[in-house]
């Protein structure tokens, strides 16, 4: 009995030490001060919130989904998705100022346990585990994503904002009038495997 108690105590101490070591590493990864890497390919333009809601609705987001946002800006898509559906999200951004803004937005809206912001070049990251991919990039940038899009598992949903994925057929095309900017926004829903246009 004495040996069993001693062994249990040793296991408990080892587990506690592991938590003490790992926790700061996780915190450091999530809060590391962003640095200047390169000039962003585009100027950030935030998607109106009512359009974001429609994008998430089109993708039929649920709490089991992982949302990956390439060029996440202020993380509004990930924050709204986490708040509304309880979904997990990863945002990739290269601009240090936008990374700070997105992390503030995540903290302010109490979704830090669901949303992570990472500084990276969006054309180099692994997106293969994404269930939903909202995209608001220029047409030529959309095409540059093709090698990464081909790694997505069957049934992943992609919602492109204003610019489609040239050479591929969307499942749905919708025009939305935003109450925020009084403009028409065109949304394209694709499901993997992507269907090439004939």
N, C-alpha and C. Protein backbone atom coordinates (compact mmCIF):
# COMPACT_ATOMS: atom_id res chain seq x y z
N UNK A 1 0.84 -1.21 0.00
CA UNK A 1 0.00 0.00 0.00
C UNK A 1 0.87 1.25 0.00
N UNK A 2 1.94 1.22 0.81
CA UNK A 2 2.84 2.38 0.90
C UNK A 2 3.48 2.67 -0.45
N UNK A 3 3.92 1.59 -1.15
CA UNK A 3 4.55 1.75 -2.45
C UNK A 3 3.57 2.35 -3.46
N UNK A 4 2.30 1.90 -3.39
CA UNK A 4 1.27 2.40 -4.31
C UNK A 4 1.05 3.90 -4.11
N UNK A 5 0.96 4.34 -2.85
CA UNK A 5 0.76 5.76 -2.54
C UNK A 5 1.95 6.58 -3.03
N UNK A 6 3.16 6.05 -2.79
CA UNK A 6 4.37 6.74 -3.23
C UNK A 6 4.40 6.87 -4.75
N UNK A 7 4.03 5.79 -5.46
CA UNK A 7 4.00 5.81 -6.93
C UNK A 7 2.98 6.83 -7.44
N UNK A 8 1.81 6.87 -6.78
CA UNK A 8 0.75 7.82 -7.17
C UNK A 8 1.23 9.25 -6.99
N UNK A 9 1.91 9.50 -5.86
CA UNK A 9 2.44 10.85 -5.61
C UNK A 9 3.45 11.24 -6.68
N UNK A 10 4.32 10.30 -7.05
CA UNK A 10 5.33 10.58 -8.07
C UNK A 10 4.67 10.92 -9.41
N UNK A 11 3.63 10.17 -9.76
CA UNK A 11 2.90 10.44 -11.02
C UNK A 11 2.26 11.82 -10.99
N UNK A 12 1.68 12.15 -9.82
CA UNK A 12 1.02 13.45 -9.68
C UNK A 12 2.03 14.59 -9.83
N UNK A 13 3.19 14.43 -9.18
CA UNK A 13 4.23 15.46 -9.26
C UNK A 13 4.74 15.60 -10.69
N UNK A 14 4.93 14.46 -11.38
CA UNK A 14 5.41 14.50 -12.77
C UNK A 14 4.40 15.21 -13.66
N UNK A 15 3.11 14.91 -13.45
CA UNK A 15 2.06 15.56 -14.26
C UNK A 15 2.03 17.06 -14.00
N UNK A 16 2.16 17.44 -12.73
CA UNK A 16 2.14 18.87 -12.38
C UNK A 16 3.31 19.60 -13.01
N UNK A 17 4.49 18.97 -12.99
CA UNK A 17 5.67 19.59 -13.60
C UNK A 17 5.49 19.74 -15.10
N UNK A 18 4.89 18.73 -15.73
CA UNK A 18 4.65 18.79 -17.18
C UNK A 18 3.74 19.95 -17.53
N UNK A 19 2.68 20.14 -16.73
CA UNK A 19 1.76 21.26 -16.95
C UNK A 19 2.49 22.59 -16.81
N UNK A 20 3.34 22.69 -15.79
CA UNK A 20 4.08 23.94 -15.56
C UNK A 20 5.03 24.25 -16.71
N UNK A 21 5.58 23.21 -17.32
CA UNK A 21 6.52 23.41 -18.43
C UNK A 21 5.78 23.74 -19.72
N UNK A 22 4.71 23.00 -20.01
CA UNK A 22 4.01 23.13 -21.30
C UNK A 22 3.17 24.39 -21.37
N UNK A 23 2.50 24.77 -20.27
CA UNK A 23 1.60 25.92 -20.30
C UNK A 23 2.28 27.20 -20.77
N UNK A 24 3.47 27.56 -20.25
CA UNK A 24 4.11 28.78 -20.74
C UNK A 24 4.46 28.69 -22.22
N UNK A 25 4.79 27.48 -22.71
CA UNK A 25 5.13 27.34 -24.13
C UNK A 25 3.92 27.62 -25.00
N UNK A 26 2.75 27.11 -24.59
CA UNK A 26 1.52 27.36 -25.34
C UNK A 26 1.20 28.84 -25.32
N UNK A 27 1.30 29.45 -24.12
CA UNK A 27 1.00 30.88 -23.99
C UNK A 27 1.93 31.70 -24.87
N UNK A 28 3.23 31.30 -24.89
CA UNK A 28 4.20 32.04 -25.68
C UNK A 28 3.87 31.96 -27.16
N UNK A 29 3.45 30.76 -27.62
CA UNK A 29 3.12 30.57 -29.03
C UNK A 29 1.95 31.46 -29.45
N UNK A 30 0.97 31.62 -28.55
CA UNK A 30 -0.24 32.36 -28.89
C UNK A 30 -0.09 33.86 -28.71
N UNK A 31 0.91 34.30 -27.94
CA UNK A 31 1.01 35.73 -27.64
C UNK A 31 2.32 36.34 -28.13
N UNK A 32 3.08 35.58 -28.89
CA UNK A 32 4.36 36.09 -29.38
C UNK A 32 4.15 37.38 -30.16
N UNK A 33 4.97 38.36 -29.87
CA UNK A 33 4.86 39.67 -30.53
C UNK A 33 5.12 39.51 -32.02
N UNK A 34 4.16 39.92 -32.88
CA UNK A 34 4.37 39.79 -34.32
C UNK A 34 5.48 40.71 -34.81
N UNK A 35 6.16 40.27 -35.85
CA UNK A 35 7.26 41.06 -36.41
C UNK A 35 7.01 41.29 -37.90
N UNK A 36 7.73 42.26 -38.45
CA UNK A 36 7.58 42.56 -39.87
C UNK A 36 8.29 41.49 -40.69
N UNK A 37 7.55 40.82 -41.57
CA UNK A 37 8.12 39.77 -42.41
C UNK A 37 8.23 40.24 -43.86
N UNK A 38 7.10 40.72 -44.38
CA UNK A 38 7.07 41.21 -45.75
C UNK A 38 5.84 42.09 -45.93
N UNK A 39 5.82 42.86 -47.00
CA UNK A 39 4.67 43.71 -47.29
C UNK A 39 3.48 42.83 -47.69
N UNK A 40 2.29 43.05 -47.12
CA UNK A 40 1.12 42.26 -47.50
C UNK A 40 0.82 42.41 -48.99
N UNK A 41 0.27 41.35 -49.59
CA UNK A 41 -0.06 41.37 -51.02
C UNK A 41 -1.22 42.30 -51.34
N UNK A 42 -2.10 42.52 -50.37
CA UNK A 42 -3.27 43.37 -50.58
C UNK A 42 -3.49 44.26 -49.37
N UNK A 43 -4.24 45.33 -49.58
CA UNK A 43 -4.66 46.19 -48.47
C UNK A 43 -5.89 45.56 -47.84
N UNK A 44 -5.93 45.52 -46.51
CA UNK A 44 -7.06 44.89 -45.83
C UNK A 44 -8.34 45.70 -46.00
N UNK A 45 -9.40 45.00 -46.41
CA UNK A 45 -10.74 45.57 -46.48
C UNK A 45 -11.65 44.60 -45.74
N UNK A 46 -12.22 45.05 -44.64
CA UNK A 46 -13.06 44.17 -43.83
C UNK A 46 -14.39 43.86 -44.49
N UNK A 47 -14.80 42.60 -44.43
CA UNK A 47 -16.10 42.19 -44.93
C UNK A 47 -17.18 42.68 -43.96
N UNK A 48 -18.24 43.33 -44.46
CA UNK A 48 -19.31 43.77 -43.56
C UNK A 48 -19.87 42.60 -42.74
N UNK A 49 -20.26 42.88 -41.51
CA UNK A 49 -20.69 41.81 -40.61
C UNK A 49 -21.92 41.07 -41.13
N UNK A 50 -22.84 41.77 -41.79
CA UNK A 50 -24.01 41.05 -42.30
C UNK A 50 -23.64 40.12 -43.46
N UNK A 51 -22.60 40.47 -44.19
CA UNK A 51 -22.10 39.59 -45.25
C UNK A 51 -21.37 38.40 -44.63
N UNK A 52 -20.61 38.64 -43.57
CA UNK A 52 -19.95 37.55 -42.84
C UNK A 52 -20.99 36.54 -42.38
N UNK A 53 -22.10 37.02 -41.82
CA UNK A 53 -23.16 36.13 -41.35
C UNK A 53 -23.70 35.27 -42.47
N UNK A 54 -23.87 35.87 -43.65
CA UNK A 54 -24.38 35.11 -44.79
C UNK A 54 -23.35 34.08 -45.26
N UNK A 55 -22.08 34.43 -45.23
CA UNK A 55 -21.02 33.49 -45.62
C UNK A 55 -21.03 32.26 -44.70
N UNK A 56 -21.15 32.49 -43.41
CA UNK A 56 -21.18 31.39 -42.45
C UNK A 56 -22.43 30.54 -42.62
N UNK A 57 -23.55 31.21 -42.92
CA UNK A 57 -24.80 30.49 -43.16
C UNK A 57 -24.70 29.62 -44.41
N UNK A 58 -24.14 30.17 -45.47
CA UNK A 58 -23.97 29.41 -46.72
C UNK A 58 -23.11 28.16 -46.49
N UNK A 59 -22.09 28.30 -45.67
CA UNK A 59 -21.18 27.18 -45.40
C UNK A 59 -21.74 26.18 -44.39
N UNK A 60 -22.92 26.50 -43.83
CA UNK A 60 -23.57 25.64 -42.83
C UNK A 60 -22.60 25.28 -41.70
N UNK A 61 -22.01 26.30 -41.15
CA UNK A 61 -21.03 26.13 -40.08
C UNK A 61 -21.70 25.52 -38.85
N UNK A 62 -20.99 24.62 -38.18
CA UNK A 62 -21.47 24.06 -36.91
C UNK A 62 -20.31 23.99 -35.92
N UNK A 63 -20.63 23.59 -34.69
CA UNK A 63 -19.64 23.64 -33.61
C UNK A 63 -18.48 22.66 -33.79
N UNK A 64 -18.65 21.68 -34.67
CA UNK A 64 -17.58 20.71 -34.90
C UNK A 64 -16.59 21.15 -35.98
N UNK A 65 -16.88 22.28 -36.61
CA UNK A 65 -16.06 22.74 -37.73
C UNK A 65 -14.80 23.46 -37.28
N UNK A 66 -13.77 23.33 -38.10
CA UNK A 66 -12.57 24.16 -37.97
C UNK A 66 -12.59 25.16 -39.12
N UNK A 67 -12.66 26.44 -38.77
CA UNK A 67 -12.67 27.50 -39.76
C UNK A 67 -11.24 28.01 -39.91
N UNK A 68 -10.75 28.05 -41.13
CA UNK A 68 -9.41 28.59 -41.39
C UNK A 68 -9.57 29.83 -42.26
N UNK A 69 -9.09 30.96 -41.76
CA UNK A 69 -9.21 32.24 -42.47
C UNK A 69 -7.83 32.71 -42.90
N UNK A 70 -7.62 32.75 -44.22
CA UNK A 70 -6.33 33.15 -44.79
C UNK A 70 -6.33 34.65 -45.03
N UNK A 71 -5.50 35.36 -44.28
CA UNK A 71 -5.54 36.82 -44.33
C UNK A 71 -6.72 37.29 -43.50
N UNK A 72 -6.69 36.95 -42.21
CA UNK A 72 -7.88 37.10 -41.36
C UNK A 72 -8.18 38.53 -40.94
N UNK A 73 -7.26 39.48 -41.21
CA UNK A 73 -7.54 40.87 -40.86
C UNK A 73 -7.76 41.03 -39.37
N UNK A 74 -8.92 41.56 -38.99
CA UNK A 74 -9.22 41.76 -37.56
C UNK A 74 -9.92 40.55 -36.93
N UNK A 75 -9.97 39.44 -37.67
CA UNK A 75 -10.53 38.16 -37.19
C UNK A 75 -12.04 38.19 -37.00
N UNK A 76 -12.72 39.12 -37.65
CA UNK A 76 -14.17 39.23 -37.45
C UNK A 76 -14.92 37.96 -37.85
N UNK A 77 -14.47 37.28 -38.92
CA UNK A 77 -15.16 36.06 -39.36
C UNK A 77 -15.01 34.97 -38.30
N UNK A 78 -13.81 34.80 -37.79
CA UNK A 78 -13.56 33.77 -36.79
C UNK A 78 -14.27 34.07 -35.48
N UNK A 79 -14.27 35.33 -35.09
CA UNK A 79 -14.93 35.73 -33.84
C UNK A 79 -16.43 35.49 -33.94
N UNK A 80 -17.05 35.93 -35.04
CA UNK A 80 -18.49 35.75 -35.19
C UNK A 80 -18.86 34.27 -35.26
N UNK A 81 -18.04 33.49 -35.96
CA UNK A 81 -18.29 32.05 -36.06
C UNK A 81 -18.20 31.37 -34.70
N UNK A 82 -17.21 31.75 -33.91
CA UNK A 82 -17.06 31.18 -32.57
C UNK A 82 -18.23 31.57 -31.67
N UNK A 83 -18.65 32.84 -31.75
CA UNK A 83 -19.76 33.32 -30.92
C UNK A 83 -21.08 32.66 -31.31
N UNK A 84 -21.33 32.57 -32.60
CA UNK A 84 -22.64 32.13 -33.10
C UNK A 84 -22.77 30.61 -33.13
N UNK A 85 -21.68 29.92 -33.47
CA UNK A 85 -21.76 28.47 -33.67
C UNK A 85 -20.87 27.67 -32.71
N UNK A 86 -19.99 28.34 -32.00
CA UNK A 86 -19.08 27.62 -31.12
C UNK A 86 -17.99 26.87 -31.86
N UNK A 87 -17.71 27.29 -33.09
CA UNK A 87 -16.71 26.62 -33.92
C UNK A 87 -15.30 27.09 -33.57
N UNK A 88 -14.34 26.21 -33.84
CA UNK A 88 -12.93 26.57 -33.64
C UNK A 88 -12.43 27.31 -34.87
N UNK A 89 -11.42 28.15 -34.69
CA UNK A 89 -10.90 28.90 -35.83
C UNK A 89 -9.41 29.17 -35.73
N UNK A 90 -8.76 29.17 -36.89
CA UNK A 90 -7.36 29.58 -36.99
C UNK A 90 -7.28 30.67 -38.04
N UNK A 91 -6.71 31.80 -37.65
CA UNK A 91 -6.53 32.90 -38.59
C UNK A 91 -5.06 33.09 -38.90
N UNK A 92 -4.75 33.18 -40.19
CA UNK A 92 -3.37 33.44 -40.61
C UNK A 92 -3.29 34.86 -41.16
N UNK A 93 -2.30 35.60 -40.71
CA UNK A 93 -2.15 37.00 -41.10
C UNK A 93 -0.66 37.33 -41.09
N UNK A 94 -0.24 38.21 -41.99
CA UNK A 94 1.18 38.56 -42.06
C UNK A 94 1.48 39.96 -41.54
N UNK A 95 0.47 40.84 -41.56
CA UNK A 95 0.64 42.23 -41.13
C UNK A 95 0.65 42.31 -39.60
N UNK A 96 1.74 42.77 -39.00
CA UNK A 96 1.83 42.84 -37.53
C UNK A 96 0.71 43.66 -36.89
N UNK A 97 0.35 44.78 -37.51
CA UNK A 97 -0.72 45.62 -36.95
C UNK A 97 -2.05 44.88 -36.95
N UNK A 98 -2.34 44.15 -38.03
CA UNK A 98 -3.60 43.40 -38.09
C UNK A 98 -3.59 42.23 -37.12
N UNK A 99 -2.43 41.64 -36.91
CA UNK A 99 -2.35 40.55 -35.93
C UNK A 99 -2.68 41.06 -34.54
N UNK A 100 -2.14 42.21 -34.19
CA UNK A 100 -2.44 42.80 -32.87
C UNK A 100 -3.94 43.11 -32.77
N UNK A 101 -4.50 43.68 -33.83
CA UNK A 101 -5.93 44.02 -33.84
C UNK A 101 -6.79 42.76 -33.72
N UNK A 102 -6.41 41.71 -34.43
CA UNK A 102 -7.19 40.48 -34.40
C UNK A 102 -7.13 39.82 -33.02
N UNK A 103 -5.95 39.83 -32.41
CA UNK A 103 -5.82 39.23 -31.08
C UNK A 103 -6.60 40.02 -30.04
N UNK A 104 -6.61 41.34 -30.18
CA UNK A 104 -7.43 42.17 -29.27
C UNK A 104 -8.91 41.83 -29.45
N UNK A 105 -9.33 41.67 -30.70
CA UNK A 105 -10.73 41.36 -30.99
C UNK A 105 -11.12 40.01 -30.40
N UNK A 106 -10.23 39.05 -30.52
CA UNK A 106 -10.48 37.71 -29.96
C UNK A 106 -10.61 37.79 -28.45
N UNK A 107 -9.70 38.50 -27.80
CA UNK A 107 -9.74 38.63 -26.34
C UNK A 107 -10.97 39.39 -25.88
N UNK A 108 -11.26 40.49 -26.56
CA UNK A 108 -12.40 41.35 -26.18
C UNK A 108 -13.71 40.58 -26.23
N UNK A 109 -13.82 39.65 -27.18
CA UNK A 109 -15.06 38.90 -27.36
C UNK A 109 -15.04 37.53 -26.68
N UNK A 110 -14.02 37.31 -25.85
CA UNK A 110 -13.96 36.11 -25.00
C UNK A 110 -14.04 34.80 -25.79
N UNK A 111 -13.32 34.74 -26.91
CA UNK A 111 -13.31 33.50 -27.70
C UNK A 111 -11.89 32.96 -27.87
N UNK A 112 -11.00 33.36 -26.97
CA UNK A 112 -9.59 32.95 -27.08
C UNK A 112 -9.42 31.44 -26.95
N UNK A 113 -10.37 30.77 -26.30
CA UNK A 113 -10.26 29.32 -26.16
C UNK A 113 -10.63 28.60 -27.46
N UNK A 114 -11.24 29.35 -28.40
CA UNK A 114 -11.66 28.75 -29.67
C UNK A 114 -10.87 29.25 -30.87
N UNK A 115 -10.32 30.46 -30.77
CA UNK A 115 -9.70 31.10 -31.94
C UNK A 115 -8.23 31.38 -31.69
N UNK A 116 -7.41 31.01 -32.65
CA UNK A 116 -5.97 31.24 -32.59
C UNK A 116 -5.53 32.06 -33.80
N UNK A 117 -4.68 33.04 -33.57
CA UNK A 117 -4.15 33.88 -34.65
C UNK A 117 -2.66 33.61 -34.79
N UNK A 118 -2.24 33.30 -36.02
CA UNK A 118 -0.85 32.93 -36.28
C UNK A 118 -0.28 33.83 -37.38
N UNK A 119 0.93 34.32 -37.15
CA UNK A 119 1.59 35.11 -38.19
C UNK A 119 2.25 34.17 -39.19
N UNK A 120 1.84 34.28 -40.46
CA UNK A 120 2.40 33.41 -41.49
C UNK A 120 2.02 33.93 -42.87
N UNK A 121 2.80 33.50 -43.86
CA UNK A 121 2.47 33.73 -45.27
C UNK A 121 1.36 32.75 -45.64
N UNK A 122 0.22 33.25 -46.07
CA UNK A 122 -0.95 32.38 -46.30
C UNK A 122 -0.71 31.34 -47.39
N UNK A 123 0.26 31.57 -48.26
CA UNK A 123 0.51 30.63 -49.35
C UNK A 123 1.45 29.49 -48.95
N UNK A 124 1.84 29.46 -47.69
CA UNK A 124 2.76 28.42 -47.23
C UNK A 124 2.17 27.55 -46.12
N UNK A 125 0.97 27.88 -45.64
CA UNK A 125 0.42 27.17 -44.48
C UNK A 125 -0.35 25.91 -44.89
N UNK A 126 -0.43 24.98 -43.96
CA UNK A 126 -1.18 23.74 -44.16
C UNK A 126 -2.64 23.99 -43.80
N UNK A 127 -3.53 23.84 -44.78
CA UNK A 127 -4.96 24.07 -44.52
C UNK A 127 -5.75 22.77 -44.64
N UNK A 128 -5.07 21.64 -44.69
CA UNK A 128 -5.72 20.36 -44.99
C UNK A 128 -6.78 19.95 -43.98
N UNK A 129 -6.71 20.47 -42.76
CA UNK A 129 -7.68 20.08 -41.73
C UNK A 129 -8.90 21.01 -41.68
N UNK A 130 -8.94 22.01 -42.54
CA UNK A 130 -10.06 22.97 -42.52
C UNK A 130 -11.36 22.33 -42.99
N UNK A 131 -12.44 22.65 -42.27
CA UNK A 131 -13.78 22.26 -42.71
C UNK A 131 -14.42 23.38 -43.52
N UNK A 132 -14.10 24.61 -43.13
CA UNK A 132 -14.66 25.79 -43.80
C UNK A 132 -13.54 26.78 -44.07
N UNK A 133 -13.55 27.33 -45.28
CA UNK A 133 -12.51 28.29 -45.68
C UNK A 133 -13.18 29.52 -46.30
N UNK A 134 -13.31 30.62 -45.53
CA UNK A 134 -13.81 31.86 -46.12
C UNK A 134 -12.65 32.57 -46.83
N UNK A 135 -12.90 33.07 -48.04
CA UNK A 135 -11.81 33.66 -48.82
C UNK A 135 -12.25 35.01 -49.39
N UNK A 136 -11.45 36.05 -49.10
CA UNK A 136 -11.67 37.37 -49.71
C UNK A 136 -10.33 37.89 -50.19
N UNK A 137 -9.94 37.41 -51.37
CA UNK A 137 -8.66 37.77 -51.97
C UNK A 137 -8.88 38.14 -53.43
N UNK A 138 -7.86 38.67 -54.06
CA UNK A 138 -7.95 39.01 -55.48
C UNK A 138 -7.93 37.73 -56.33
N UNK A 139 -8.48 37.78 -57.56
CA UNK A 139 -8.59 36.58 -58.40
C UNK A 139 -7.27 35.82 -58.58
N UNK A 140 -6.19 36.55 -58.84
CA UNK A 140 -4.91 35.87 -59.05
C UNK A 140 -4.39 35.21 -57.77
N UNK A 141 -4.76 35.78 -56.63
CA UNK A 141 -4.37 35.17 -55.35
C UNK A 141 -5.19 33.91 -55.09
N UNK A 142 -6.46 33.94 -55.48
CA UNK A 142 -7.30 32.75 -55.35
C UNK A 142 -6.67 31.57 -56.09
N UNK A 143 -6.18 31.83 -57.31
CA UNK A 143 -5.57 30.77 -58.11
C UNK A 143 -4.27 30.28 -57.50
N UNK A 144 -3.54 31.17 -56.84
CA UNK A 144 -2.29 30.76 -56.18
C UNK A 144 -2.55 29.79 -55.03
N UNK A 145 -3.78 29.80 -54.52
CA UNK A 145 -4.14 28.91 -53.41
C UNK A 145 -4.42 27.47 -53.87
N UNK A 146 -4.55 27.25 -55.18
CA UNK A 146 -5.00 25.95 -55.68
C UNK A 146 -4.22 24.75 -55.12
N UNK A 147 -2.89 24.78 -55.07
CA UNK A 147 -2.18 23.63 -54.50
C UNK A 147 -2.62 23.32 -53.07
N UNK A 148 -2.92 24.36 -52.29
CA UNK A 148 -3.38 24.14 -50.91
C UNK A 148 -4.83 23.66 -50.89
N UNK A 149 -5.66 24.21 -51.77
CA UNK A 149 -7.07 23.81 -51.82
C UNK A 149 -7.21 22.33 -52.17
N UNK A 150 -6.29 21.83 -52.97
CA UNK A 150 -6.34 20.42 -53.37
C UNK A 150 -6.03 19.47 -52.22
N UNK A 151 -5.52 19.99 -51.11
CA UNK A 151 -5.23 19.14 -49.95
C UNK A 151 -6.44 19.03 -49.01
N UNK A 152 -7.49 19.80 -49.26
CA UNK A 152 -8.66 19.77 -48.38
C UNK A 152 -9.39 18.44 -48.50
N UNK A 153 -9.95 17.98 -47.38
CA UNK A 153 -10.67 16.72 -47.38
C UNK A 153 -12.01 16.88 -48.10
N UNK A 154 -12.58 15.80 -48.63
CA UNK A 154 -13.88 15.88 -49.29
C UNK A 154 -14.95 16.44 -48.35
N UNK A 155 -15.78 17.32 -48.87
CA UNK A 155 -16.85 17.91 -48.07
C UNK A 155 -16.50 19.22 -47.41
N UNK A 156 -15.27 19.67 -47.56
CA UNK A 156 -14.90 21.00 -47.04
C UNK A 156 -15.64 22.07 -47.84
N UNK A 157 -16.04 23.14 -47.15
CA UNK A 157 -16.81 24.20 -47.81
C UNK A 157 -15.97 25.46 -47.90
N UNK A 158 -15.96 26.04 -49.10
CA UNK A 158 -15.21 27.26 -49.37
C UNK A 158 -16.20 28.34 -49.79
N UNK A 159 -16.13 29.49 -49.15
CA UNK A 159 -17.00 30.61 -49.53
C UNK A 159 -16.11 31.77 -49.98
N UNK A 160 -16.17 32.08 -51.27
CA UNK A 160 -15.38 33.16 -51.85
C UNK A 160 -16.24 34.43 -51.91
N UNK A 161 -15.64 35.53 -51.51
CA UNK A 161 -16.34 36.82 -51.45
C UNK A 161 -15.90 37.70 -52.61
N UNK A 162 -16.85 38.06 -53.45
CA UNK A 162 -16.69 38.99 -54.59
C UNK A 162 -15.86 38.46 -55.76
N UNK A 163 -14.89 37.62 -55.51
CA UNK A 163 -14.08 37.06 -56.60
C UNK A 163 -14.15 35.54 -56.55
N UNK A 164 -14.58 34.94 -57.67
CA UNK A 164 -14.74 33.49 -57.69
C UNK A 164 -13.40 32.79 -57.89
N UNK A 165 -13.46 31.48 -57.92
CA UNK A 165 -12.27 30.67 -58.19
C UNK A 165 -12.32 30.31 -59.68
N UNK A 166 -11.59 31.08 -60.46
CA UNK A 166 -11.66 30.96 -61.92
C UNK A 166 -11.33 29.55 -62.39
N UNK A 167 -12.19 29.03 -63.29
CA UNK A 167 -11.98 27.69 -63.84
C UNK A 167 -12.70 26.60 -63.08
N UNK A 168 -13.43 26.99 -62.02
CA UNK A 168 -14.16 26.01 -61.22
C UNK A 168 -15.62 26.45 -61.06
N UNK A 169 -16.50 25.47 -60.94
CA UNK A 169 -17.94 25.74 -60.89
C UNK A 169 -18.41 25.78 -59.43
N UNK A 170 -19.00 26.89 -59.00
CA UNK A 170 -19.52 26.96 -57.63
C UNK A 170 -20.82 26.17 -57.49
N UNK A 171 -21.08 25.68 -56.29
CA UNK A 171 -22.36 25.02 -56.02
C UNK A 171 -23.48 26.05 -55.99
N UNK A 172 -23.17 27.19 -55.40
CA UNK A 172 -24.17 28.26 -55.24
C UNK A 172 -23.49 29.61 -55.47
N UNK A 173 -24.21 30.51 -56.12
CA UNK A 173 -23.77 31.90 -56.25
C UNK A 173 -24.91 32.78 -55.74
N UNK A 174 -24.59 33.67 -54.82
CA UNK A 174 -25.61 34.50 -54.18
C UNK A 174 -25.15 35.95 -54.18
N UNK A 175 -26.10 36.86 -54.40
CA UNK A 175 -25.80 38.29 -54.28
C UNK A 175 -26.50 38.81 -53.03
N UNK A 176 -25.72 39.50 -52.21
CA UNK A 176 -26.21 40.01 -50.93
C UNK A 176 -26.03 41.51 -50.89
N UNK A 177 -27.09 42.23 -50.50
CA UNK A 177 -26.97 43.68 -50.31
C UNK A 177 -26.70 43.94 -48.83
N UNK A 178 -25.56 44.53 -48.55
CA UNK A 178 -25.19 44.80 -47.16
C UNK A 178 -25.85 46.08 -46.66
N UNK A 179 -26.42 46.01 -45.48
CA UNK A 179 -26.98 47.20 -44.85
C UNK A 179 -25.89 48.12 -44.31
N UNK A 180 -24.68 47.60 -44.20
CA UNK A 180 -23.59 48.38 -43.63
C UNK A 180 -22.95 49.32 -44.64
N UNK A 181 -22.79 48.84 -45.88
CA UNK A 181 -22.14 49.70 -46.89
C UNK A 181 -23.02 49.96 -48.11
N UNK A 182 -24.28 49.46 -48.06
CA UNK A 182 -25.22 49.69 -49.16
C UNK A 182 -24.72 49.16 -50.50
N UNK A 183 -23.89 48.15 -50.48
CA UNK A 183 -23.30 47.60 -51.70
C UNK A 183 -23.74 46.16 -51.91
N UNK A 184 -23.66 45.72 -53.17
CA UNK A 184 -23.95 44.33 -53.51
C UNK A 184 -22.66 43.51 -53.37
N UNK A 185 -22.75 42.41 -52.66
CA UNK A 185 -21.62 41.50 -52.48
C UNK A 185 -21.99 40.15 -53.07
N UNK A 186 -21.12 39.62 -53.90
CA UNK A 186 -21.36 38.32 -54.53
C UNK A 186 -20.58 37.25 -53.78
N UNK A 187 -21.29 36.18 -53.41
CA UNK A 187 -20.69 35.08 -52.67
C UNK A 187 -20.77 33.79 -53.49
N UNK A 188 -19.69 33.02 -53.46
CA UNK A 188 -19.61 31.77 -54.21
C UNK A 188 -19.29 30.64 -53.23
N UNK A 189 -20.14 29.62 -53.22
CA UNK A 189 -19.89 28.45 -52.37
C UNK A 189 -19.37 27.29 -53.21
N UNK A 190 -18.24 26.74 -52.79
CA UNK A 190 -17.66 25.56 -53.43
C UNK A 190 -17.54 24.46 -52.37
N UNK A 191 -17.70 23.22 -52.81
CA UNK A 191 -17.49 22.08 -51.92
C UNK A 191 -16.44 21.18 -52.53
N UNK A 192 -15.53 20.69 -51.71
CA UNK A 192 -14.49 19.80 -52.23
C UNK A 192 -15.02 18.36 -52.35
N UNK A 193 -14.57 17.64 -53.39
CA UNK A 193 -13.58 18.03 -54.40
C UNK A 193 -14.14 19.09 -55.35
N UNK A 194 -13.30 20.04 -55.73
CA UNK A 194 -13.73 21.13 -56.60
C UNK A 194 -14.07 20.61 -57.99
N UNK A 195 -15.07 21.24 -58.60
CA UNK A 195 -15.53 20.83 -59.94
C UNK A 195 -14.99 21.80 -60.99
N UNK A 196 -14.19 21.29 -61.89
CA UNK A 196 -13.62 22.12 -62.96
C UNK A 196 -14.68 22.48 -63.99
N UNK A 197 -14.60 23.72 -64.48
CA UNK A 197 -15.51 24.16 -65.55
C UNK A 197 -15.13 23.47 -66.85
N UNK A 198 -16.12 23.18 -67.69
CA UNK A 198 -15.85 22.52 -68.98
C UNK A 198 -15.67 23.55 -70.08
